[in-house]
Amino acid sequence: MLMLTCPNCGVTGEESEFAPGGEAHLKRHGPGSSDEEFHAYLFAKENPRGVHFERWRHANGCGKWFHAARCTATLEVFGTYSAQTTEPPKDIKDKISAKRPGWSWREVE
């Protein structure tokens, strides 16, 4: 069972209390973008086995969005953080690096 902590209200709950919102840290393309950029934004998603950054909404709580860093293979949650950040906080990146030697943050295009 995936357990998440909402960084906005501090409540920890099962994943059924939250609503998934897809991949985090995407560069969003909308009006004025090229067809290729908009196509990539809609359809070219990461689906890694291992560390993944996702958007979640505390649907049965405060209703706010946040990001979570987790392993898709083990369901280990490395941490949650504000949706307004452009990259994971240093403490979460350090926690991932400690458990996954050789892992490094890469900016999502």
C-alpha atoms as a PDB file:
ATOM      1  CA  MET A   1       0.000   0.000   0.000  1.00  0.00           C
ATOM      2  CA  LEU A   2       1.293   3.432  -0.947  1.00  0.00           C
ATOM      3  CA  MET A   3       1.311   5.837   2.020  1.00  0.00           C
ATOM      4  CA  LEU A   4       1.635   9.567   1.291  1.00  0.00           C
ATOM      5  CA  THR A   5       1.941  12.625   3.522  1.00  0.00           C
ATOM      6  CA  CYS A   6       0.379  15.840   2.286  1.00  0.00           C
ATOM      7  CA  PRO A   7       3.013  18.581   2.745  1.00  0.00           C
ATOM      8  CA  ASN A   8       0.247  21.205   2.842  1.00  0.00           C
ATOM      9  CA  CYS A   9      -1.808  19.924   5.797  1.00  0.00           C
ATOM     10  CA  GLY A  10       0.557  17.267   7.222  1.00  0.00           C
ATOM     11  CA  VAL A  11      -1.944  14.369   7.036  1.00  0.00           C
ATOM     12  CA  THR A  12      -0.571  10.911   6.213  1.00  0.00           C
ATOM     13  CA  GLY A  13      -2.935   8.505   4.499  1.00  0.00           C
ATOM     14  CA  GLU A  14      -3.344   5.633   2.098  1.00  0.00           C
ATOM     15  CA  GLU A  15      -3.228   6.360  -1.610  1.00  0.00           C
ATOM     16  CA  SER A  16      -7.027   6.048  -1.796  1.00  0.00           C
ATOM     17  CA  GLU A  17      -7.238   9.360   0.104  1.00  0.00           C
ATOM     18  CA  PHE A  18      -5.304  11.051  -2.701  1.00  0.00           C
ATOM     19  CA  ALA A  19      -5.833  11.449  -6.458  1.00  0.00           C
ATOM     20  CA  PRO A  20      -2.923  10.919  -8.879  1.00  0.00           C
ATOM     21  CA  GLY A  21      -2.222  13.697 -11.343  1.00  0.00           C
ATOM     22  CA  GLY A  22       0.490  12.287 -13.591  1.00  0.00           C
ATOM     23  CA  GLU A  23       4.136  13.111 -14.031  1.00  0.00           C
ATOM     24  CA  ALA A  24       5.582  16.074 -12.123  1.00  0.00           C
ATOM     25  CA  HIS A  25       7.958  18.756 -13.389  1.00  0.00           C
ATOM     26  CA  LEU A  26       6.718  18.774 -16.971  1.00  0.00           C
ATOM     27  CA  LYS A  27       7.151  21.814 -19.142  1.00  0.00           C
ATOM     28  CA  ARG A  28       3.581  22.537 -20.059  1.00  0.00           C
ATOM     29  CA  HIS A  29       2.879  23.547 -23.666  1.00  0.00           C
ATOM     30  CA  GLY A  30      -0.351  25.203 -24.665  1.00  0.00           C
ATOM     31  CA  PRO A  31      -1.550  27.839 -27.139  1.00  0.00           C
ATOM     32  CA  GLY A  32       1.247  29.141 -29.324  1.00  0.00           C
ATOM     33  CA  SER A  33       3.341  25.980 -29.088  1.00  0.00           C
ATOM     34  CA  SER A  34       4.307  23.887 -32.072  1.00  0.00           C
ATOM     35  CA  ASP A  35       2.404  20.711 -32.889  1.00  0.00           C
ATOM     36  CA  GLU A  36       5.439  18.630 -31.865  1.00  0.00           C
ATOM     37  CA  GLU A  37       5.743  20.367 -28.465  1.00  0.00           C
ATOM     38  CA  PHE A  38       2.046  19.985 -27.708  1.00  0.00           C
ATOM     39  CA  HIS A  39       2.050  16.343 -28.832  1.00  0.00           C
ATOM     40  CA  ALA A  40       5.053  15.603 -26.607  1.00  0.00           C
ATOM     41  CA  TYR A  41       3.365  17.336 -23.653  1.00  0.00           C
ATOM     42  CA  LEU A  42       0.199  15.260 -24.060  1.00  0.00           C
ATOM     43  CA  PHE A  43       1.614  11.868 -24.960  1.00  0.00           C
ATOM     44  CA  ALA A  44       5.368  11.535 -24.289  1.00  0.00           C
ATOM     45  CA  LYS A  45       5.387  10.607 -20.601  1.00  0.00           C
ATOM     46  CA  GLU A  46       8.048   8.901 -18.545  1.00  0.00           C
ATOM     47  CA  ASN A  47       7.138   5.463 -17.220  1.00  0.00           C
ATOM     48  CA  PRO A  48      10.298   4.400 -15.428  1.00  0.00           C
ATOM     49  CA  ARG A  49      10.970   1.392 -13.290  1.00  0.00           C
ATOM     50  CA  GLY A  50      12.501   3.077 -10.284  1.00  0.00           C
ATOM     51  CA  VAL A  51      12.475   6.666  -9.056  1.00  0.00           C
ATOM     52  CA  HIS A  52       9.618   8.754 -10.418  1.00  0.00           C
ATOM     53  CA  PHE A  53       8.231  12.210  -9.588  1.00  0.00           C
ATOM     54  CA  GLU A  54       4.460  12.528  -9.609  1.00  0.00           C
ATOM     55  CA  ARG A  55       1.701  15.055  -8.937  1.00  0.00           C
ATOM     56  CA  TRP A  56      -0.902  14.143  -6.318  1.00  0.00           C
ATOM     57  CA  ARG A  57      -3.957  15.912  -4.937  1.00  0.00           C
ATOM     58  CA  HIS A  58      -5.207  15.451  -1.377  1.00  0.00           C
ATOM     59  CA  ALA A  59      -8.723  14.695  -2.619  1.00  0.00           C
ATOM     60  CA  ASN A  60     -10.219  13.599   0.723  1.00  0.00           C
ATOM     61  CA  GLY A  61      -8.459  16.278   2.720  1.00  0.00           C
ATOM     62  CA  CYS A  62      -7.278  19.813   2.043  1.00  0.00           C
ATOM     63  CA  GLY A  63      -7.734  19.439  -1.748  1.00  0.00           C
ATOM     64  CA  LYS A  64      -4.307  20.888  -2.583  1.00  0.00           C
ATOM     65  CA  TRP A  65      -1.796  19.569  -5.107  1.00  0.00           C
ATOM     66  CA  PHE A  66       1.709  18.409  -4.201  1.00  0.00           C
ATOM     67  CA  HIS A  67       4.563  16.368  -5.657  1.00  0.00           C
ATOM     68  CA  ALA A  68       5.815  12.982  -4.479  1.00  0.00           C
ATOM     69  CA  ALA A  69       9.101  11.215  -5.161  1.00  0.00           C
ATOM     70  CA  ARG A  70       8.690   7.451  -5.105  1.00  0.00           C
ATOM     71  CA  CYS A  71       9.994   4.190  -6.493  1.00  0.00           C
ATOM     72  CA  THR A  72       7.570   2.580  -8.944  1.00  0.00           C
ATOM     73  CA  ALA A  73       9.032  -0.890  -8.315  1.00  0.00           C
ATOM     74  CA  THR A  74       8.900  -0.944  -4.491  1.00  0.00           C
ATOM     75  CA  LEU A  75       6.336   1.821  -3.728  1.00  0.00           C
ATOM     76  CA  GLU A  76       8.900   3.399  -1.384  1.00  0.00           C
ATOM     77  CA  VAL A  77       8.088   7.083  -0.920  1.00  0.00           C
ATOM     78  CA  PHE A  78      11.189   9.264  -0.599  1.00  0.00           C
ATOM     79  CA  GLY A  79       9.198  12.361   0.278  1.00  0.00           C
ATOM     80  CA  THR A  80       6.520  14.826  -0.696  1.00  0.00           C
ATOM     81  CA  TYR A  81       6.876  18.536  -1.348  1.00  0.00           C
ATOM     82  CA  SER A  82       5.046  21.596  -2.629  1.00  0.00           C
ATOM     83  CA  ALA A  83       3.698  21.570  -6.177  1.00  0.00           C
ATOM     84  CA  GLN A  84       5.014  25.106  -6.653  1.00  0.00           C
ATOM     85  CA  THR A  85       8.658  23.966  -6.701  1.00  0.00           C
ATOM     86  CA  THR A  86      10.512  23.457  -9.971  1.00  0.00           C
ATOM     87  CA  GLU A  87      12.621  20.548  -8.724  1.00  0.00           C
ATOM     88  CA  PRO A  88      12.716  18.225  -5.716  1.00  0.00           C
ATOM     89  CA  PRO A  89      14.201  19.669  -2.495  1.00  0.00           C
ATOM     90  CA  LYS A  90      17.800  18.793  -1.687  1.00  0.00           C
ATOM     91  CA  ASP A  91      16.893  16.540   1.257  1.00  0.00           C
ATOM     92  CA  ILE A  92      14.717  14.338  -0.976  1.00  0.00           C
ATOM     93  CA  LYS A  93      17.389  14.182  -3.697  1.00  0.00           C
ATOM     94  CA  ASP A  94      19.958  13.243  -1.020  1.00  0.00           C
ATOM     95  CA  LYS A  95      17.657  10.515   0.355  1.00  0.00           C
ATOM     96  CA  ILE A  96      17.234   9.038  -3.129  1.00  0.00           C
ATOM     97  CA  SER A  97      20.983   9.203  -3.847  1.00  0.00           C
ATOM     98  CA  ALA A  98      21.753   7.440  -0.552  1.00  0.00           C
ATOM     99  CA  LYS A  99      19.487   4.508  -1.468  1.00  0.00           C
ATOM    100  CA  ARG A 100      20.235   4.531  -5.211  1.00  0.00           C
ATOM    101  CA  PRO A 101      23.980   5.157  -5.737  1.00  0.00           C
ATOM    102  CA  GLY A 102      24.624   6.693  -9.130  1.00  0.00           C
ATOM    103  CA  TRP A 103      21.170   8.276  -9.349  1.00  0.00           C
ATOM    104  CA  SER A 104      21.118  11.954 -10.283  1.00  0.00           C
ATOM    105  CA  TRP A 105      18.371  14.505 -10.820  1.00  0.00           C
ATOM    106  CA  ARG A 106      17.813  15.484 -14.404  1.00  0.00           C
ATOM    107  CA  GLU A 107      15.696  18.401 -15.456  1.00  0.00           C
ATOM    108  CA  VAL A 108      12.568  17.340 -17.371  1.00  0.00           C
ATOM    109  CA  GLU A 109      12.329  19.064 -20.747  1.00  0.00           C
END
